[in-house]
Structures are given as structure tokens and as C-alpha cells.
Amino acid sequence: MNIKYIGNDTKKSENGKIHVQNGNYTGCGARIDDNPQDWVKTSQSVTCDKNGCKN
């Protein structure tokens, strides 16, 4: 299961990007549990091209 960022903090991640979920973080290191309302689980393909999510 991947995770999609739906928040508005563009310093963290772009809205709509889909990341690999790894515990309380994304594969590229963004923290999920500090603002859980900004994230939704998805079965869509990963669209984040940062190291850790892309490869």
C-alpha cells in the first residue's frame, strides 16, 4: 500500500504525489504521523521521484 500527500505544505511534499510508505515515514523521508490528516492510503502507483520512493 502506498500513501498520497493531500496537504498544502509544499516544503514537505507536492500535493497529489504518491509515495512508498515505510512505517511513519515515506520512502523519501517525509514524516506521516505529524500531520496524518494530510495523507491517504492508496493502491495507485508511486509518482514521487525522490530517492527512497522511486527506487
N, C-alpha and C. Protein backbone atom coordinates (compact mmCIF):
# COMPACT_ATOMS: atom_id res chain seq x y z
N MET A 1 0.84 -1.19 0.00
CA MET A 1 0.00 0.00 0.00
C MET A 1 0.89 1.25 0.00
N ASN A 2 0.58 2.18 -0.87
CA ASN A 2 1.31 3.44 -0.95
C ASN A 2 0.51 4.51 -0.22
N ILE A 3 1.06 5.72 -0.17
CA ILE A 3 0.39 6.80 0.54
C ILE A 3 0.48 8.09 -0.26
N LYS A 4 -0.63 8.81 -0.32
CA LYS A 4 -0.72 10.02 -1.14
C LYS A 4 -0.78 11.25 -0.24
N TYR A 5 0.01 12.27 -0.58
CA TYR A 5 0.02 13.52 0.17
C TYR A 5 -1.09 14.43 -0.34
N ILE A 6 -1.99 14.85 0.55
CA ILE A 6 -3.09 15.73 0.16
C ILE A 6 -3.04 17.05 0.92
N GLY A 7 -1.94 17.30 1.63
CA GLY A 7 -1.80 18.54 2.40
C GLY A 7 -1.32 19.69 1.52
N ASN A 8 -1.07 20.83 2.18
CA ASN A 8 -0.70 22.04 1.45
C ASN A 8 0.71 22.53 1.74
N ASP A 9 1.48 21.78 2.54
CA ASP A 9 2.83 22.20 2.87
C ASP A 9 3.79 21.77 1.77
N THR A 10 4.08 22.67 0.84
CA THR A 10 4.90 22.30 -0.31
C THR A 10 6.37 22.12 0.04
N LYS A 11 6.79 22.53 1.24
CA LYS A 11 8.16 22.26 1.68
C LYS A 11 8.33 20.77 1.96
N LYS A 12 7.24 20.13 2.42
CA LYS A 12 7.26 18.70 2.74
C LYS A 12 7.16 17.85 1.50
N SER A 13 6.14 18.11 0.72
CA SER A 13 5.86 17.27 -0.44
C SER A 13 4.85 17.97 -1.33
N GLU A 14 4.86 17.63 -2.60
CA GLU A 14 3.89 18.21 -3.51
C GLU A 14 2.53 17.54 -3.33
N ASN A 15 1.49 18.35 -3.33
CA ASN A 15 0.13 17.84 -3.20
C ASN A 15 -0.14 16.87 -4.35
N GLY A 16 -0.68 15.72 -4.01
CA GLY A 16 -1.04 14.72 -5.01
C GLY A 16 0.03 13.70 -5.31
N LYS A 17 1.24 13.91 -4.80
CA LYS A 17 2.31 12.93 -5.03
C LYS A 17 2.03 11.66 -4.24
N ILE A 18 2.36 10.53 -4.83
CA ILE A 18 2.15 9.24 -4.18
C ILE A 18 3.51 8.65 -3.83
N HIS A 19 3.64 8.26 -2.57
CA HIS A 19 4.91 7.81 -2.00
C HIS A 19 4.82 6.36 -1.53
N VAL A 20 5.98 5.75 -1.34
CA VAL A 20 6.08 4.47 -0.66
C VAL A 20 5.95 4.75 0.83
N GLN A 21 5.11 3.99 1.55
CA GLN A 21 5.01 4.16 2.99
C GLN A 21 5.93 3.18 3.69
N ASN A 22 6.71 3.70 4.64
CA ASN A 22 7.65 2.89 5.40
C ASN A 22 7.47 3.25 6.87
N GLY A 23 6.52 2.60 7.53
CA GLY A 23 6.21 2.94 8.92
C GLY A 23 5.56 4.31 9.00
N ASN A 24 6.13 5.21 9.83
CA ASN A 24 5.60 6.55 9.99
C ASN A 24 6.23 7.56 9.03
N TYR A 25 6.98 7.06 8.06
CA TYR A 25 7.65 7.92 7.09
C TYR A 25 7.38 7.43 5.68
N THR A 26 7.62 8.32 4.70
CA THR A 26 7.60 7.89 3.31
C THR A 26 8.98 7.34 2.98
N GLY A 27 9.10 6.69 1.85
CA GLY A 27 10.39 6.17 1.42
C GLY A 27 11.44 7.27 1.27
N CYS A 28 11.00 8.50 0.93
CA CYS A 28 11.94 9.61 0.74
C CYS A 28 12.14 10.43 2.02
N GLY A 29 11.53 10.00 3.13
CA GLY A 29 11.84 10.60 4.42
C GLY A 29 10.83 11.58 4.98
N ALA A 30 9.73 11.85 4.30
CA ALA A 30 8.72 12.75 4.85
C ALA A 30 7.99 12.04 6.00
N ARG A 31 7.75 12.76 7.09
CA ARG A 31 7.07 12.17 8.24
C ARG A 31 5.56 12.19 8.02
N ILE A 32 4.92 11.07 8.29
CA ILE A 32 3.47 10.93 8.07
C ILE A 32 2.68 11.23 9.33
N ASP A 33 3.16 10.77 10.49
CA ASP A 33 2.35 10.83 11.70
C ASP A 33 2.29 12.21 12.37
N ASP A 34 3.07 13.21 11.89
CA ASP A 34 2.95 14.53 12.49
C ASP A 34 1.71 15.27 11.97
N ASN A 35 1.25 14.95 10.77
CA ASN A 35 0.02 15.51 10.20
C ASN A 35 -0.72 14.42 9.45
N PRO A 36 -1.26 13.44 10.17
CA PRO A 36 -1.88 12.29 9.48
C PRO A 36 -3.07 12.67 8.60
N GLN A 37 -3.71 13.80 8.88
CA GLN A 37 -4.84 14.23 8.05
C GLN A 37 -4.40 14.64 6.65
N ASP A 38 -3.11 14.84 6.46
CA ASP A 38 -2.58 15.25 5.15
C ASP A 38 -2.23 14.06 4.25
N TRP A 39 -2.48 12.85 4.71
CA TRP A 39 -2.08 11.65 3.97
C TRP A 39 -3.26 10.68 3.84
N VAL A 40 -3.38 10.02 2.70
CA VAL A 40 -4.38 8.97 2.50
C VAL A 40 -3.72 7.76 1.85
N LYS A 41 -4.10 6.58 2.29
CA LYS A 41 -3.57 5.34 1.70
C LYS A 41 -4.17 5.17 0.31
N THR A 42 -3.35 4.61 -0.59
CA THR A 42 -3.80 4.40 -1.96
C THR A 42 -3.12 3.18 -2.56
N SER A 43 -3.76 2.59 -3.54
CA SER A 43 -3.14 1.48 -4.26
C SER A 43 -2.58 1.96 -5.60
N GLN A 44 -2.64 3.27 -5.86
CA GLN A 44 -2.10 3.84 -7.09
C GLN A 44 -0.58 3.72 -7.11
N SER A 45 -0.01 3.81 -8.29
CA SER A 45 1.44 3.71 -8.46
C SER A 45 2.15 4.94 -7.87
N VAL A 46 3.37 4.73 -7.40
CA VAL A 46 4.20 5.80 -6.84
C VAL A 46 4.52 6.83 -7.92
N THR A 47 4.36 8.13 -7.58
CA THR A 47 4.70 9.21 -8.51
C THR A 47 5.84 10.07 -7.98
N CYS A 48 6.28 9.87 -6.75
CA CYS A 48 7.41 10.60 -6.20
C CYS A 48 8.69 10.09 -6.85
N ASP A 49 9.53 11.02 -7.32
CA ASP A 49 10.76 10.58 -7.98
C ASP A 49 12.00 10.80 -7.10
N LYS A 50 11.78 11.05 -5.80
CA LYS A 50 12.90 11.22 -4.88
C LYS A 50 13.48 9.87 -4.47
N ASN A 51 14.74 9.88 -4.10
CA ASN A 51 15.44 8.67 -3.67
C ASN A 51 14.70 8.05 -2.48
N GLY A 52 14.44 6.77 -2.53
CA GLY A 52 13.73 6.07 -1.48
C GLY A 52 12.32 5.69 -1.87
N CYS A 53 11.68 6.55 -2.64
CA CYS A 53 10.35 6.23 -3.17
C CYS A 53 10.46 5.65 -4.58
N LYS A 54 11.29 6.30 -5.40
CA LYS A 54 11.42 5.88 -6.80
C LYS A 54 12.17 4.55 -6.93
N ASN A 55 13.17 4.35 -6.06
CA ASN A 55 13.97 3.14 -6.22
C ASN A 55 14.16 2.40 -4.92
